[in-house]
């Protein structure tokens, strides 16, 4: 069968498996890369491969994160969602040229947010320009979220503008705080303050990128903020650190959040954020 008419697969949820993986990637070999990409994979990780990986680990729901190497070439992400009602996705968009009509169609396709992969930017955009204010207003009006990927020391430069825009905010990889300062990093404190304001969530993810103390960092976030705004993600297929395994990211979660009830709460948070009130992709 072709991709367009493929029947949805049935996943069996394992009792101890994460309920939702809120950050995975899919891409095809030969997709056009942006100039000077942060990563340039020489392989593909297809929607079918992702299905097999999730199925092998008993994970039922996932959210595909748009990946910066392909910029706003969102075609394959959107295609992957159309026949998979338990998947959602984010896209990368140009705030100056994207129309409301395009956003509405993406919503019908299962897109629930926009990824701001600012970590690749040497200079951060001015979010107070007309184009950005209009764009963020439209995202808030759609009840979408912005998915911020930025190194911790620079997070305080953009969070105030995102908060003023009234859009929901999801912070990638625990805010990637300074590896030496960790919870004393200004970005870490900015993330804590933003979560306390009530429209920000944090992904407990990317531990394999953040050093030996990443589980400890996750526990400190939860100690300060509780679990109501926490999410979990694998970051599969671990572009740039392909020696990582999916099982190791699940085991990391067990160390970071030792209590099974709290781990399940992370999944329920993700259901509320990404799936409640959103029609299945079609």
Protein backbone atom coordinates (compact mmCIF):
# COMPACT_ATOMS: atom_id res chain seq x y z
CA UNK A 1 0.00 0.00 0.00
CA UNK A 2 1.15 3.55 -0.59
CA UNK A 3 1.77 6.00 2.25
CA UNK A 4 -1.45 7.91 1.48
CA UNK A 5 -3.78 4.93 2.00
CA UNK A 6 -1.89 3.06 4.65
CA UNK A 7 -4.12 1.85 7.47
CA UNK A 8 -3.26 3.01 11.02
CA UNK A 9 -1.25 0.53 13.08
CA UNK A 10 -2.42 -0.73 16.44
CA UNK A 11 -0.04 -0.04 19.33
CA UNK A 12 -0.17 -1.97 22.59
CA UNK A 13 0.65 0.25 25.55
CA UNK A 14 2.98 -1.42 28.04
CA UNK A 15 2.13 -0.49 31.65
CA UNK A 16 5.64 0.76 32.44
CA UNK A 17 6.34 2.47 29.10
CA UNK A 18 6.28 6.27 28.67
CA UNK A 19 2.84 7.24 27.44
CA UNK A 20 3.97 9.97 25.03
CA UNK A 21 7.32 10.64 23.39
CA UNK A 22 7.12 14.39 22.83
CA UNK A 23 10.20 14.82 20.64
CA UNK A 24 11.18 12.54 17.77
CA UNK A 25 12.34 13.21 14.22
CA UNK A 26 11.63 11.69 10.82
CA UNK A 27 13.45 12.46 7.59
CA UNK A 28 14.18 10.94 4.21
CA UNK A 29 17.52 10.59 2.51
CA UNK A 30 17.91 13.32 -0.10
CA UNK A 31 15.75 15.94 1.60
CA UNK A 32 17.26 19.40 0.92
CA UNK A 33 19.50 20.70 3.70
CA UNK A 34 19.74 24.36 4.63
CA UNK A 35 23.10 26.09 4.08
CA UNK A 36 25.62 25.23 6.81
CA UNK A 37 23.29 22.90 8.75
CA UNK A 38 23.99 22.09 12.39
CA UNK A 39 23.81 18.40 11.49
CA UNK A 40 23.84 16.72 8.07
CA UNK A 41 22.72 13.08 8.45
CA UNK A 42 23.79 10.72 5.68
CA UNK A 43 20.99 8.27 6.50
CA UNK A 44 17.22 8.36 6.77
CA UNK A 45 14.85 7.70 9.63
CA UNK A 46 11.43 7.16 8.16
CA UNK A 47 7.99 7.22 9.70
CA UNK A 48 7.91 3.44 9.35
CA UNK A 49 11.20 3.09 11.24
CA UNK A 50 9.84 5.35 13.96
CA UNK A 51 6.68 3.24 14.18
CA UNK A 52 8.78 0.12 14.65
CA UNK A 53 10.89 1.80 17.34
CA UNK A 54 7.89 3.05 19.30
CA UNK A 55 6.14 -0.28 18.98
CA UNK A 56 9.20 -2.15 20.25
CA UNK A 57 9.19 -0.02 23.40
CA UNK A 58 5.44 0.10 23.95
CA UNK A 59 5.12 3.84 23.40
CA UNK A 60 1.69 4.77 22.15
CA UNK A 61 1.77 8.48 21.21
CA UNK A 62 4.46 10.74 19.79
CA UNK A 63 5.13 14.29 18.65
CA UNK A 64 7.41 14.85 15.66
CA UNK A 65 9.65 17.86 16.13
CA UNK A 66 10.69 19.75 13.02
CA UNK A 67 14.47 19.55 12.67
CA UNK A 68 16.66 22.52 11.80
CA UNK A 69 18.80 20.82 9.08
CA UNK A 70 15.79 20.92 6.74
CA UNK A 71 14.48 24.35 7.69
CA UNK A 72 10.89 24.95 6.65
CA UNK A 73 10.79 21.93 4.33
CA UNK A 74 8.06 20.39 6.49
CA UNK A 75 6.61 18.19 3.76
CA UNK A 76 7.62 14.80 5.15
CA UNK A 77 6.61 15.65 8.72
CA UNK A 78 3.13 16.64 7.54
CA UNK A 79 2.84 13.60 5.26
CA UNK A 80 3.79 11.32 8.16
CA UNK A 81 0.98 12.66 10.34
CA UNK A 82 -1.87 12.32 7.88
CA UNK A 83 -2.49 8.60 8.40
CA UNK A 84 -1.36 8.36 12.03
CA UNK A 85 -4.00 9.67 14.47
CA UNK A 86 -1.78 9.08 17.52
CA UNK A 87 0.93 11.38 16.22
CA UNK A 88 1.21 15.17 16.30
CA UNK A 89 3.92 17.48 15.03
CA UNK A 90 5.61 20.84 14.99
CA UNK A 91 6.92 22.72 11.97
CA UNK A 92 9.48 25.40 11.20
CA UNK A 93 7.90 28.41 9.46
CA UNK A 94 8.87 31.82 8.14
CA UNK A 95 7.04 34.41 10.27
CA UNK A 96 7.04 36.94 7.44
CA UNK A 97 5.47 34.81 4.72
CA UNK A 98 3.29 32.23 6.50
CA UNK A 99 -0.42 33.00 6.11
CA UNK A 100 -3.28 32.19 8.46
CA UNK A 101 -4.74 29.93 5.78
CA UNK A 102 -1.54 27.87 5.74
CA UNK A 103 -1.62 27.59 9.52
CA UNK A 104 -5.24 26.42 9.44
CA UNK A 105 -4.38 23.68 6.93
CA UNK A 106 -1.39 22.56 9.00
CA UNK A 107 -3.69 22.31 12.02
CA UNK A 108 -5.99 20.02 10.05
CA UNK A 109 -2.94 17.91 9.19
CA UNK A 110 -2.06 17.35 12.87
CA UNK A 111 0.41 20.18 13.48
CA UNK A 112 0.11 21.71 16.96
CA UNK A 113 3.05 24.09 17.19
CA UNK A 114 6.04 25.84 15.68
CA UNK A 115 9.61 24.96 16.52
CA UNK A 116 11.91 27.92 17.13
CA UNK A 117 15.31 26.32 16.58
CA UNK A 118 17.16 29.45 17.61
CA UNK A 119 20.17 27.46 18.81
CA UNK A 120 21.44 27.60 15.22
CA UNK A 121 21.23 31.42 15.11
CA UNK A 122 24.34 33.44 15.80
CA UNK A 123 22.10 36.49 16.25
CA UNK A 124 18.65 36.02 17.74
CA UNK A 125 15.64 37.49 15.89
CA UNK A 126 13.84 40.52 17.25
CA UNK A 127 10.51 39.11 18.41
CA UNK A 128 9.07 42.60 18.83
CA UNK A 129 8.99 43.26 15.08
CA UNK A 130 5.60 43.44 13.37
CA UNK A 131 6.14 40.16 11.51
CA UNK A 132 6.97 38.24 14.67
CA UNK A 133 4.20 39.84 16.76
CA UNK A 134 1.63 39.01 14.06
CA UNK A 135 2.97 35.46 13.75
CA UNK A 136 2.96 34.77 17.50
CA UNK A 137 -0.53 36.29 17.84
CA UNK A 138 -1.82 33.87 15.22
CA UNK A 139 -0.18 30.93 16.98
CA UNK A 140 -1.77 31.95 20.28
CA UNK A 141 -5.13 32.35 18.54
CA UNK A 142 -4.81 28.78 17.25
CA UNK A 143 -3.88 27.61 20.78
CA UNK A 144 -0.61 26.30 19.39
CA UNK A 145 2.68 26.31 21.27
CA UNK A 146 6.15 27.51 20.37
CA UNK A 147 8.80 24.88 20.87
CA UNK A 148 11.98 26.71 21.87
CA UNK A 149 15.39 25.16 21.28
CA UNK A 150 18.08 27.51 22.54
CA UNK A 151 21.19 27.33 24.70
CA UNK A 152 20.45 28.24 28.32
CA UNK A 153 22.57 31.39 28.63
CA UNK A 154 20.55 33.04 25.82
CA UNK A 155 17.08 31.89 26.87
CA UNK A 156 16.46 35.04 28.98
CA UNK A 157 16.82 37.08 25.78
CA UNK A 158 13.69 35.61 24.19
CA UNK A 159 11.40 34.31 26.93
CA UNK A 160 9.98 37.74 27.91
CA UNK A 161 8.79 38.44 24.35
CA UNK A 162 7.24 34.98 24.03
CA UNK A 163 5.46 35.44 27.35
CA UNK A 164 4.11 38.83 26.25
CA UNK A 165 2.76 37.24 23.08
CA UNK A 166 0.50 34.98 25.16
CA UNK A 167 1.51 31.84 23.29
CA UNK A 168 2.11 28.53 25.02
CA UNK A 169 5.83 27.75 25.38
CA UNK A 170 7.60 24.39 25.44
CA UNK A 171 11.28 24.47 26.41
CA UNK A 172 13.49 21.88 24.74
CA UNK A 173 16.04 19.69 26.53
CA UNK A 174 15.57 21.25 30.00
CA UNK A 175 16.69 24.61 28.63
CA UNK A 176 20.24 23.36 27.91
CA UNK A 177 21.76 25.23 30.88
CA UNK A 178 25.43 26.09 31.05
CA UNK A 179 27.18 22.74 31.75
CA UNK A 180 29.23 24.25 34.58
CA UNK A 181 26.62 26.49 36.20
CA UNK A 182 23.74 24.04 35.66
CA UNK A 183 20.85 25.10 37.93
CA UNK A 184 22.72 28.33 38.71
CA UNK A 185 22.58 29.29 35.03
CA UNK A 186 20.46 32.38 34.33
CA UNK A 187 18.59 30.41 31.68
CA UNK A 188 17.64 27.73 34.18
CA UNK A 189 16.18 30.36 36.49
CA UNK A 190 14.38 32.04 33.59
CA UNK A 191 12.76 28.72 32.69
CA UNK A 192 11.70 28.13 36.30
CA UNK A 193 10.16 31.61 36.48
CA UNK A 194 8.36 31.13 33.17
CA UNK A 195 6.86 27.79 34.20
CA UNK A 196 5.59 29.38 37.40
CA UNK A 197 3.64 31.89 35.30
CA UNK A 198 1.50 29.05 33.98
CA UNK A 199 1.93 28.83 30.19
CA UNK A 200 5.29 27.09 29.89
CA UNK A 201 6.22 23.39 29.84
CA UNK A 202 9.67 21.75 29.95
CA UNK A 203 10.87 18.63 28.16
CA UNK A 204 12.91 16.30 30.32
CA UNK A 205 14.92 15.20 27.33
CA UNK A 206 18.30 15.28 25.68
CA UNK A 207 20.02 13.92 28.77
CA UNK A 208 22.58 12.16 26.60
CA UNK A 209 23.57 15.57 25.19
CA UNK A 210 23.82 17.35 28.55
CA UNK A 211 26.51 15.43 30.41
CA UNK A 212 26.78 13.15 33.40
CA UNK A 213 24.59 15.28 35.66
CA UNK A 214 21.54 15.50 33.39
CA UNK A 215 19.33 13.24 35.53
CA UNK A 216 20.29 15.27 38.57
CA UNK A 217 19.37 18.43 36.68
CA UNK A 218 15.96 16.97 35.82
CA UNK A 219 15.35 16.08 39.46
CA UNK A 220 16.22 19.64 40.47
CA UNK A 221 13.73 21.05 37.98
CA UNK A 222 11.03 18.78 39.35
CA UNK A 223 11.99 19.64 42.92
CA UNK A 224 11.50 23.34 42.21
CA UNK A 225 8.46 23.06 39.95
CA UNK A 226 6.72 19.77 40.59
CA UNK A 227 5.58 17.56 37.72
CA UNK A 228 2.50 19.33 36.32
CA UNK A 229 4.44 21.10 33.53
CA UNK A 230 6.98 18.40 32.76
CA UNK A 231 7.10 16.27 29.60
CA UNK A 232 9.38 13.44 28.47
CA UNK A 233 11.04 12.87 25.11
CA UNK A 234 13.62 10.53 23.65
CA UNK A 235 14.96 12.81 20.85
CA UNK A 236 15.10 9.70 18.63
CA UNK A 237 17.00 9.02 16.34
CA UNK A 238 19.68 10.97 18.26
CA UNK A 239 21.15 12.88 15.35
CA UNK A 240 24.82 13.58 15.96
CA UNK A 241 25.02 11.04 18.82
CA UNK A 242 23.70 7.94 17.05
CA UNK A 243 25.33 5.56 19.52
CA UNK A 244 22.47 6.42 21.90
CA UNK A 245 19.69 3.82 22.12
CA UNK A 246 16.00 4.34 22.67
CA UNK A 247 16.10 2.02 25.68
CA UNK A 248 18.81 4.17 27.29
CA UNK A 249 16.56 7.24 27.12
CA UNK A 250 13.75 5.34 28.85
CA UNK A 251 16.22 4.19 31.51
CA UNK A 252 17.39 7.79 31.92
CA UNK A 253 13.79 8.79 32.62
CA UNK A 254 13.59 6.12 35.32
CA UNK A 255 16.62 7.68 37.02
CA UNK A 256 15.46 11.25 36.56
CA UNK A 257 11.89 10.56 37.74
CA UNK A 258 12.10 7.48 40.01
CA UNK A 259 8.42 7.42 40.97
CA UNK A 260 6.23 5.60 38.44
CA UNK A 261 3.18 7.75 39.23
CA UNK A 262 5.17 10.89 38.46
CA UNK A 263 6.46 9.40 35.21
CA UNK A 264 2.90 8.64 34.16
CA UNK A 265 1.98 12.23 35.00
CA UNK A 266 4.45 13.39 32.36
CA UNK A 267 2.53 11.41 29.78
CA UNK A 268 -0.83 12.75 30.89
CA UNK A 269 0.57 16.28 30.72
CA UNK A 270 1.53 15.60 27.11
CA UNK A 271 -1.93 14.26 26.28
CA UNK A 272 -3.45 17.47 27.63
CA UNK A 273 -1.00 19.70 25.79
CA UNK A 274 -0.79 18.00 22.40
CA UNK A 275 -3.92 15.89 21.95
CA UNK A 276 -6.91 17.20 23.91
CA UNK A 277 -9.37 19.12 21.77
CA UNK A 278 -7.31 18.56 18.60
CA UNK A 279 -9.01 16.58 15.82
CA UNK A 280 -7.01 13.60 14.51
CA UNK A 281 -4.89 14.38 11.46
CA UNK A 282 -6.61 13.67 8.16
